[in-house]
Amino acid sequence: MMTAAREANHDQPIISVRNLHKWYSGVHALKGVSLDFKRNEAVGLVGDNGAGKSTLISILAGLHPKDEGEIYVEGRPAEINRPRDAMNLGIETIYQYNSMVPNMSIARNLFIGREPLKASFMGVGLLDQARMRSESMEAIANVDLHLRSPDALVGELSGGQRQGVAIARAMHFKSKVMILDEPTNHLSVKETTKVIGFVKSLKEQNVTGIFISHNMHHVFACCDRVVAMALGKVVLDKPISETSIEEVHDVL
């Protein structure tokens, strides 16, 4: 049986933000946002342009520092001042126009910034190409993405396949939280269905998903909870089962 301490830890939010504020050149982009992201849930984060959702995600991803407020990861205070800080905390972000390099292979992209070396001296050495090729194919197969070769260039992949590789990369490096920023934009219906399936499967991998989208139908198809933001504040936070697309639209 799970001990009381372990139960309390399991119930503790993976990320908590408290009274977050952010200003850009005098514009108050976040106005005292407090929000919890639970373990192994998919949260849909919605709102019009300028609502504050991108600012919140930029802070969690380490792209921009907060001006006021606190961030807690697994109950401990966290300072996230750069993307590497977020990655070290297990927070990975997959952007609509993701950071993969089109003229590099799937294997190189999957390991970019984390390349394994056969042998190294003071951080310099030969890339372990065989390991990268083998592990990259295993990683993409684990998200039910089947591509012909780890040497294929990312630029040759469809939009949905690129998102799949980005998700595989985050899963391979044991992310605890995966932020997906408009991952279904400009995808075909078939590819959109695939990405929604990825998001729904995250909890099976013990990963919390934060799904940012303008498409409310996509959010309701794959998320457990919806958080709506407007004018820098949270204006709705409800389980999907207790709200409707109409109610969310009404508060935006």
C-alpha atoms as a PDB file:
ATOM      1  CA  MET A   1       0.000   0.000   0.000  1.00  0.00           C
ATOM      2  CA  MET A   2       1.110   3.577  -0.707  1.00  0.00           C
ATOM      3  CA  THR A   3       2.208   5.349   2.451  1.00  0.00           C
ATOM      4  CA  ALA A   4       0.524   8.579   3.550  1.00  0.00           C
ATOM      5  CA  ALA A   5       3.659  10.532   2.614  1.00  0.00           C
ATOM      6  CA  ARG A   6       3.754   9.014  -0.866  1.00  0.00           C
ATOM      7  CA  GLU A   7       0.027   9.637  -1.321  1.00  0.00           C
ATOM      8  CA  ALA A   8       0.477  13.283  -0.345  1.00  0.00           C
ATOM      9  CA  ASN A   9       3.383  13.593  -2.773  1.00  0.00           C
ATOM     10  CA  HIS A  10       1.360  11.978  -5.561  1.00  0.00           C
ATOM     11  CA  ASP A  11      -1.528  14.405  -4.973  1.00  0.00           C
ATOM     12  CA  GLN A  12       0.813  17.379  -4.999  1.00  0.00           C
ATOM     13  CA  PRO A  13       0.656  19.402  -8.237  1.00  0.00           C
ATOM     14  CA  ILE A  14       3.586  18.867 -10.592  1.00  0.00           C
ATOM     15  CA  ILE A  15       3.666  22.649 -11.203  1.00  0.00           C
ATOM     16  CA  SER A  16       2.103  25.433  -9.157  1.00  0.00           C
ATOM     17  CA  VAL A  17       2.299  29.121  -9.996  1.00  0.00           C
ATOM     18  CA  ARG A  18       1.294  31.720  -7.457  1.00  0.00           C
ATOM     19  CA  ASN A  19       0.506  35.388  -8.095  1.00  0.00           C
ATOM     20  CA  LEU A  20       2.549  35.593 -11.301  1.00  0.00           C
ATOM     21  CA  HIS A  21       2.982  39.024 -12.858  1.00  0.00           C
ATOM     22  CA  LYS A  22       4.718  39.996 -16.074  1.00  0.00           C
ATOM     23  CA  TRP A  23       5.127  43.375 -17.761  1.00  0.00           C
ATOM     24  CA  TYR A  24       6.341  44.066 -21.297  1.00  0.00           C
ATOM     25  CA  SER A  25       7.240  47.719 -21.928  1.00  0.00           C
ATOM     26  CA  GLY A  26       4.511  48.898 -19.589  1.00  0.00           C
ATOM     27  CA  VAL A  27       1.937  46.324 -20.746  1.00  0.00           C
ATOM     28  CA  HIS A  28       0.697  44.208 -17.821  1.00  0.00           C
ATOM     29  CA  ALA A  29       0.632  40.814 -19.604  1.00  0.00           C
ATOM     30  CA  LEU A  30       0.053  38.605 -16.530  1.00  0.00           C
ATOM     31  CA  LYS A  31      -1.984  39.927 -13.613  1.00  0.00           C
ATOM     32  CA  GLY A  32      -1.562  37.767 -10.528  1.00  0.00           C
ATOM     33  CA  VAL A  33      -2.067  34.344 -12.129  1.00  0.00           C
ATOM     34  CA  SER A  34      -2.308  31.405  -9.719  1.00  0.00           C
ATOM     35  CA  LEU A  35      -2.737  27.945 -11.197  1.00  0.00           C
ATOM     36  CA  ASP A  36      -1.985  24.279 -10.482  1.00  0.00           C
ATOM     37  CA  PHE A  37      -1.095  21.600 -13.014  1.00  0.00           C
ATOM     38  CA  LYS A  38      -1.745  18.137 -11.609  1.00  0.00           C
ATOM     39  CA  ARG A  39       0.265  15.022 -12.283  1.00  0.00           C
ATOM     40  CA  ASN A  40      -0.706  12.943 -15.299  1.00  0.00           C
ATOM     41  CA  GLU A  41      -3.439  15.207 -16.595  1.00  0.00           C
ATOM     42  CA  ALA A  42      -3.910  17.013 -19.890  1.00  0.00           C
ATOM     43  CA  VAL A  43      -4.838  20.668 -19.480  1.00  0.00           C
ATOM     44  CA  GLY A  44      -6.162  22.757 -22.339  1.00  0.00           C
ATOM     45  CA  LEU A  45      -5.013  26.375 -22.112  1.00  0.00           C
ATOM     46  CA  VAL A  46      -7.187  28.661 -24.229  1.00  0.00           C
ATOM     47  CA  GLY A  47      -7.722  32.346 -24.835  1.00  0.00           C
ATOM     48  CA  ASP A  48      -7.608  34.995 -27.519  1.00  0.00           C
ATOM     49  CA  ASN A  49      -4.389  36.644 -28.664  1.00  0.00           C
ATOM     50  CA  GLY A  50      -3.072  38.813 -25.846  1.00  0.00           C
ATOM     51  CA  ALA A  51      -4.885  36.790 -23.164  1.00  0.00           C
ATOM     52  CA  GLY A  52      -1.649  35.901 -21.378  1.00  0.00           C
ATOM     53  CA  LYS A  53      -1.412  32.207 -22.173  1.00  0.00           C
ATOM     54  CA  SER A  54       1.720  32.575 -24.322  1.00  0.00           C
ATOM     55  CA  THR A  55       3.330  34.722 -21.634  1.00  0.00           C
ATOM     56  CA  LEU A  56       2.596  32.096 -18.981  1.00  0.00           C
ATOM     57  CA  ILE A  57       4.056  29.340 -21.147  1.00  0.00           C
ATOM     58  CA  SER A  58       7.112  31.460 -22.006  1.00  0.00           C
ATOM     59  CA  ILE A  59       7.831  31.808 -18.284  1.00  0.00           C
ATOM     60  CA  LEU A  60       7.452  28.071 -17.625  1.00  0.00           C
ATOM     61  CA  ALA A  61       9.642  27.302 -20.661  1.00  0.00           C
ATOM     62  CA  GLY A  62      12.379  29.667 -19.499  1.00  0.00           C
ATOM     63  CA  LEU A  63      12.112  32.064 -22.434  1.00  0.00           C
ATOM     64  CA  HIS A  64      11.178  35.048 -20.267  1.00  0.00           C
ATOM     65  CA  PRO A  65      11.627  35.561 -16.518  1.00  0.00           C
ATOM     66  CA  LYS A  66       8.680  36.332 -14.279  1.00  0.00           C
ATOM     67  CA  ASP A  67       8.575  39.794 -12.707  1.00  0.00           C
ATOM     68  CA  GLU A  68       6.686  38.803  -9.559  1.00  0.00           C
ATOM     69  CA  GLY A  69       5.278  35.631  -8.035  1.00  0.00           C
ATOM     70  CA  GLU A  70       6.434  32.099  -7.272  1.00  0.00           C
ATOM     71  CA  ILE A  71       6.792  28.884  -9.238  1.00  0.00           C
ATOM     72  CA  TYR A  72       6.850  25.488  -7.544  1.00  0.00           C
ATOM     73  CA  VAL A  73       7.821  22.238  -9.260  1.00  0.00           C
ATOM     74  CA  GLU A  74       6.901  19.091  -7.310  1.00  0.00           C
ATOM     75  CA  GLY A  75       6.356  21.269  -4.256  1.00  0.00           C
ATOM     76  CA  ARG A  76       9.766  22.926  -4.328  1.00  0.00           C
ATOM     77  CA  PRO A  77      10.447  26.580  -5.249  1.00  0.00           C
ATOM     78  CA  ALA A  78      11.875  26.804  -8.752  1.00  0.00           C
ATOM     79  CA  GLU A  79      13.738  29.531 -10.583  1.00  0.00           C
ATOM     80  CA  ILE A  80      13.296  29.208 -14.343  1.00  0.00           C
ATOM     81  CA  ASN A  81      15.442  31.817 -16.045  1.00  0.00           C
ATOM     82  CA  ARG A  82      16.425  30.012 -19.249  1.00  0.00           C
ATOM     83  CA  PRO A  83      15.253  27.018 -21.303  1.00  0.00           C
ATOM     84  CA  ARG A  84      17.924  24.767 -19.797  1.00  0.00           C
ATOM     85  CA  ASP A  85      16.461  25.416 -16.311  1.00  0.00           C
ATOM     86  CA  ALA A  86      13.061  24.215 -17.545  1.00  0.00           C
ATOM     87  CA  MET A  87      14.548  21.131 -19.217  1.00  0.00           C
ATOM     88  CA  ASN A  88      16.474  20.253 -16.058  1.00  0.00           C
ATOM     89  CA  LEU A  89      13.155  20.343 -14.165  1.00  0.00           C
ATOM     90  CA  GLY A  90      11.576  17.995 -16.708  1.00  0.00           C
ATOM     91  CA  ILE A  91       9.576  20.663 -18.571  1.00  0.00           C
ATOM     92  CA  GLU A  92       9.747  20.379 -22.374  1.00  0.00           C
ATOM     93  CA  THR A  93       8.036  22.726 -24.824  1.00  0.00           C
ATOM     94  CA  ILE A  94       6.995  21.833 -28.364  1.00  0.00           C
ATOM     95  CA  TYR A  95       6.240  24.894 -30.400  1.00  0.00           C
ATOM     96  CA  GLN A  96       3.919  25.321 -33.374  1.00  0.00           C
ATOM     97  CA  TYR A  97       7.016  26.097 -35.416  1.00  0.00           C
ATOM     98  CA  ASN A  98       9.256  23.760 -33.483  1.00  0.00           C
ATOM     99  CA  SER A  99      12.961  24.117 -33.018  1.00  0.00           C
ATOM    100  CA  MET A 100      14.008  21.151 -35.129  1.00  0.00           C
ATOM    101  CA  VAL A 101      16.509  21.751 -37.923  1.00  0.00           C
ATOM    102  CA  PRO A 102      15.035  20.820 -41.347  1.00  0.00           C
ATOM    103  CA  ASN A 103      18.347  19.922 -43.007  1.00  0.00           C
ATOM    104  CA  MET A 104      19.405  17.578 -40.207  1.00  0.00           C
ATOM    105  CA  SER A 105      18.353  13.947 -39.774  1.00  0.00           C
ATOM    106  CA  ILE A 106      15.687  12.640 -37.429  1.00  0.00           C
ATOM    107  CA  ALA A 107      18.400  11.104 -35.225  1.00  0.00           C
ATOM    108  CA  ARG A 108      20.407  14.340 -35.005  1.00  0.00           C
ATOM    109  CA  ASN A 109      17.284  16.363 -34.241  1.00  0.00           C
ATOM    110  CA  LEU A 110      16.113  13.979 -31.563  1.00  0.00           C
ATOM    111  CA  PHE A 111      19.419  14.329 -29.711  1.00  0.00           C
ATOM    112  CA  ILE A 112      20.165  17.973 -30.512  1.00  0.00           C
ATOM    113  CA  GLY A 113      21.902  19.555 -27.537  1.00  0.00           C
ATOM    114  CA  ARG A 114      22.165  16.148 -25.822  1.00  0.00           C
ATOM    115  CA  GLU A 115      24.336  14.217 -28.241  1.00  0.00           C
ATOM    116  CA  PRO A 116      25.904  11.047 -26.794  1.00  0.00           C
ATOM    117  CA  LEU A 117      29.654  10.724 -27.325  1.00  0.00           C
ATOM    118  CA  LYS A 118      31.675   7.543 -27.809  1.00  0.00           C
ATOM    119  CA  ALA A 119      34.529   9.031 -25.840  1.00  0.00           C
ATOM    120  CA  SER A 120      35.177  12.572 -24.788  1.00  0.00           C
ATOM    121  CA  PHE A 121      37.814  14.792 -23.297  1.00  0.00           C
ATOM    122  CA  MET A 122      36.585  17.978 -21.641  1.00  0.00           C
ATOM    123  CA  GLY A 123      33.242  17.633 -23.467  1.00  0.00           C
ATOM    124  CA  VAL A 124      34.789  17.117 -26.901  1.00  0.00           C
ATOM    125  CA  GLY A 125      34.541  13.759 -28.645  1.00  0.00           C
ATOM    126  CA  LEU A 126      33.047  11.678 -31.428  1.00  0.00           C
ATOM    127  CA  LEU A 127      29.259  11.383 -31.711  1.00  0.00           C
ATOM    128  CA  ASP A 128      27.883   7.935 -31.007  1.00  0.00           C
ATOM    129  CA  GLN A 129      25.993   7.733 -34.311  1.00  0.00           C
ATOM    130  CA  ALA A 130      24.916   4.115 -33.881  1.00  0.00           C
ATOM    131  CA  ARG A 131      23.315   4.822 -30.513  1.00  0.00           C
ATOM    132  CA  MET A 132      21.589   7.919 -31.859  1.00  0.00           C
ATOM    133  CA  ARG A 133      20.158   5.998 -34.829  1.00  0.00           C
ATOM    134  CA  SER A 134      18.985   3.063 -32.708  1.00  0.00           C
ATOM    135  CA  GLU A 135      17.463   5.085 -29.881  1.00  0.00           C
ATOM    136  CA  SER A 136      15.785   7.568 -32.215  1.00  0.00           C
ATOM    137  CA  MET A 137      13.901   4.797 -34.047  1.00  0.00           C
ATOM    138  CA  GLU A 138      12.889   3.253 -30.726  1.00  0.00           C
ATOM    139  CA  ALA A 139      11.720   6.642 -29.452  1.00  0.00           C
ATOM    140  CA  ILE A 140       9.508   7.395 -32.443  1.00  0.00           C
ATOM    141  CA  ALA A 141       8.090   3.859 -32.420  1.00  0.00           C
ATOM    142  CA  ASN A 142       7.140   4.383 -28.765  1.00  0.00           C
ATOM    143  CA  VAL A 143       4.783   7.181 -29.825  1.00  0.00           C
ATOM    144  CA  ASP A 144       3.378   4.977 -32.605  1.00  0.00           C
ATOM    145  CA  LEU A 145       5.174   6.888 -35.333  1.00  0.00           C
ATOM    146  CA  HIS A 146       6.736   4.680 -37.983  1.00  0.00           C
ATOM    147  CA  LEU A 147       9.290   6.320 -40.263  1.00  0.00           C
ATOM    148  CA  ARG A 148      11.526   4.591 -42.752  1.00  0.00           C
ATOM    149  CA  SER A 149      14.942   5.666 -41.472  1.00  0.00           C
ATOM    150  CA  PRO A 150      16.593   7.673 -38.679  1.00  0.00           C
ATOM    151  CA  ASP A 151      18.699   9.277 -41.410  1.00  0.00           C
ATOM    152  CA  ALA A 152      15.708  10.893 -43.154  1.00  0.00           C
ATOM    153  CA  LEU A 153      15.859  14.677 -43.088  1.00  0.00           C
ATOM    154  CA  VAL A 154      13.280  16.364 -40.874  1.00  0.00           C
ATOM    155  CA  GLY A 155      12.578  18.774 -43.728  1.00  0.00           C
ATOM    156  CA  GLU A 156      11.164  15.857 -45.725  1.00  0.00           C
ATOM    157  CA  LEU A 157       8.561  15.018 -43.054  1.00  0.00           C
ATOM    158  CA  SER A 158       4.979  16.220 -42.924  1.00  0.00           C
ATOM    159  CA  GLY A 159       3.878  18.643 -40.233  1.00  0.00           C
ATOM    160  CA  GLY A 160       2.271  15.890 -38.188  1.00  0.00           C
ATOM    161  CA  GLN A 161       5.360  13.704 -38.437  1.00  0.00           C
ATOM    162  CA  ARG A 162       7.544  16.583 -37.248  1.00  0.00           C
ATOM    163  CA  GLN A 163       5.296  17.060 -34.235  1.00  0.00           C
ATOM    164  CA  GLY A 164       5.546  13.319 -33.599  1.00  0.00           C
ATOM    165  CA  VAL A 165       9.354  13.450 -33.628  1.00  0.00           C
ATOM    166  CA  ALA A 166       9.318  16.439 -31.260  1.00  0.00           C
ATOM    167  CA  ILE A 167       6.999  14.566 -28.880  1.00  0.00           C
ATOM    168  CA  ALA A 168       9.186  11.449 -29.145  1.00  0.00           C
ATOM    169  CA  ARG A 169      12.218  13.556 -28.213  1.00  0.00           C
ATOM    170  CA  ALA A 170      10.488  14.900 -25.108  1.00  0.00           C
ATOM    171  CA  MET A 171       9.312  11.423 -24.104  1.00  0.00           C
ATOM    172  CA  HIS A 172      12.750   9.890 -24.667  1.00  0.00           C
ATOM    173  CA  PHE A 173      14.345  12.330 -22.253  1.00  0.00           C
ATOM    174  CA  LYS A 174      11.763  11.551 -19.569  1.00  0.00           C
ATOM    175  CA  SER A 175       9.896  14.834 -19.462  1.00  0.00           C
ATOM    176  CA  LYS A 176       7.504  15.252 -16.554  1.00  0.00           C
ATOM    177  CA  VAL A 177       5.575  18.086 -18.214  1.00  0.00           C
ATOM    178  CA  MET A 178       5.076  18.567 -21.938  1.00  0.00           C
ATOM    179  CA  ILE A 179       3.872  21.947 -23.197  1.00  0.00           C
ATOM    180  CA  LEU A 180       2.405  21.815 -26.708  1.00  0.00           C
ATOM    181  CA  ASP A 181       1.949  25.235 -28.278  1.00  0.00           C
ATOM    182  CA  GLU A 182      -0.693  25.103 -31.058  1.00  0.00           C
ATOM    183  CA  PRO A 183       0.513  21.648 -32.196  1.00  0.00           C
ATOM    184  CA  THR A 184      -2.409  21.084 -34.590  1.00  0.00           C
ATOM    185  CA  ASN A 185      -2.093  24.316 -36.550  1.00  0.00           C
ATOM    186  CA  HIS A 186      -1.788  23.813 -40.317  1.00  0.00           C
ATOM    187  CA  LEU A 187      -2.122  20.022 -40.064  1.00  0.00           C
ATOM    188  CA  SER A 188      -4.399  17.790 -42.113  1.00  0.00           C
ATOM    189  CA  VAL A 189      -7.388  16.132 -40.441  1.00  0.00           C
ATOM    190  CA  LYS A 190      -5.516  12.808 -40.308  1.00  0.00           C
ATOM    191  CA  GLU A 191      -2.399  14.386 -38.792  1.00  0.00           C
ATOM    192  CA  THR A 192      -4.483  16.379 -36.311  1.00  0.00           C
ATOM    193  CA  THR A 193      -6.133  13.157 -35.146  1.00  0.00           C
ATOM    194  CA  LYS A 194      -2.671  11.653 -34.656  1.00  0.00           C
ATOM    195  CA  VAL A 195      -1.435  14.594 -32.557  1.00  0.00           C
ATOM    196  CA  ILE A 196      -4.610  14.531 -30.446  1.00  0.00           C
ATOM    197  CA  GLY A 197      -3.902  10.846 -29.875  1.00  0.00           C
ATOM    198  CA  PHE A 198      -0.390  11.746 -28.721  1.00  0.00           C
ATOM    199  CA  VAL A 199      -1.798  14.181 -26.163  1.00  0.00           C
ATOM    200  CA  LYS A 200      -4.346  11.660 -24.875  1.00  0.00           C
ATOM    201  CA  SER A 201      -1.614   9.046 -24.425  1.00  0.00           C
ATOM    202  CA  LEU A 202       0.656  11.245 -22.295  1.00  0.00           C
ATOM    203  CA  LYS A 203      -0.937  10.231 -18.998  1.00  0.00           C
ATOM    204  CA  GLU A 204      -0.141   6.582 -19.782  1.00  0.00           C
ATOM    205  CA  GLN A 205       3.504   7.692 -19.834  1.00  0.00           C
ATOM    206  CA  ASN A 206       3.112   9.587 -16.517  1.00  0.00           C
ATOM    207  CA  VAL A 207       3.465  12.929 -18.272  1.00  0.00           C
ATOM    208  CA  THR A 208       1.413  16.066 -17.639  1.00  0.00           C
ATOM    209  CA  GLY A 209       0.359  17.754 -20.869  1.00  0.00           C
ATOM    210  CA  ILE A 210      -0.378  21.467 -21.313  1.00  0.00           C
ATOM    211  CA  PHE A 211      -2.124  21.888 -24.652  1.00  0.00           C
ATOM    212  CA  ILE A 212      -2.396  25.446 -25.993  1.00  0.00           C
ATOM    213  CA  SER A 213      -4.907  25.814 -28.799  1.00  0.00           C
ATOM    214  CA  HIS A 214      -7.373  28.177 -30.417  1.00  0.00           C
ATOM    215  CA  ASN A 215      -9.432  25.168 -31.483  1.00  0.00           C
ATOM    216  CA  MET A 216     -11.843  24.376 -28.672  1.00  0.00           C
ATOM    217  CA  HIS A 217     -12.963  21.111 -30.292  1.00  0.00           C
ATOM    218  CA  HIS A 218      -9.389  19.823 -30.201  1.00  0.00           C
ATOM    219  CA  VAL A 219      -9.075  20.777 -26.524  1.00  0.00           C
ATOM    220  CA  PHE A 220     -12.302  19.012 -25.601  1.00  0.00           C
ATOM    221  CA  ALA A 221     -11.212  15.941 -27.585  1.00  0.00           C
ATOM    222  CA  CYS A 222      -8.007  15.296 -25.646  1.00  0.00           C
ATOM    223  CA  CYS A 223      -7.901  17.225 -22.353  1.00  0.00           C
ATOM    224  CA  ASP A 224      -9.122  16.492 -18.837  1.00  0.00           C
ATOM    225  CA  ARG A 225      -9.406  20.148 -17.820  1.00  0.00           C
ATOM    226  CA  VAL A 226      -9.704  23.512 -19.548  1.00  0.00           C
ATOM    227  CA  VAL A 227      -8.211  26.770 -18.311  1.00  0.00           C
ATOM    228  CA  ALA A 228      -9.334  29.935 -20.077  1.00  0.00           C
ATOM    229  CA  MET A 229      -7.419  33.201 -19.867  1.00  0.00           C
ATOM    230  CA  ALA A 230      -8.423  36.743 -20.800  1.00  0.00           C
ATOM    231  CA  LEU A 231      -6.613  40.048 -20.297  1.00  0.00           C
ATOM    232  CA  GLY A 232      -3.828  38.436 -18.281  1.00  0.00           C
ATOM    233  CA  LYS A 233      -6.064  36.574 -15.830  1.00  0.00           C
ATOM    234  CA  VAL A 234      -7.558  33.101 -15.420  1.00  0.00           C
ATOM    235  CA  VAL A 235     -11.291  33.453 -16.048  1.00  0.00           C
ATOM    236  CA  LEU A 236     -12.297  29.767 -16.028  1.00  0.00           C
ATOM    237  CA  ASP A 237     -10.744  26.578 -14.656  1.00  0.00           C
ATOM    238  CA  LYS A 238     -12.947  23.493 -14.871  1.00  0.00           C
ATOM    239  CA  PRO A 239     -12.831  19.784 -15.684  1.00  0.00           C
ATOM    240  CA  ILE A 240     -13.950  19.135 -19.257  1.00  0.00           C
ATOM    241  CA  SER A 241     -16.761  16.971 -17.876  1.00  0.00           C
ATOM    242  CA  GLU A 242     -18.207  19.947 -15.976  1.00  0.00           C
ATOM    243  CA  THR A 243     -18.216  22.581 -18.701  1.00  0.00           C
ATOM    244  CA  SER A 244     -18.930  23.067 -22.398  1.00  0.00           C
ATOM    245  CA  ILE A 245     -17.451  24.783 -25.413  1.00  0.00           C
ATOM    246  CA  GLU A 246     -20.267  27.336 -25.168  1.00  0.00           C
ATOM    247  CA  GLU A 247     -19.430  28.199 -21.549  1.00  0.00           C
ATOM    248  CA  VAL A 248     -15.755  28.674 -22.386  1.00  0.00           C
ATOM    249  CA  HIS A 249     -16.620  30.930 -25.330  1.00  0.00           C
ATOM    250  CA  ASP A 250     -18.909  32.964 -23.076  1.00  0.00           C
ATOM    251  CA  VAL A 251     -16.080  33.931 -20.682  1.00  0.00           C
ATOM    252  CA  LEU A 252     -13.553  34.840 -23.361  1.00  0.00           C
END
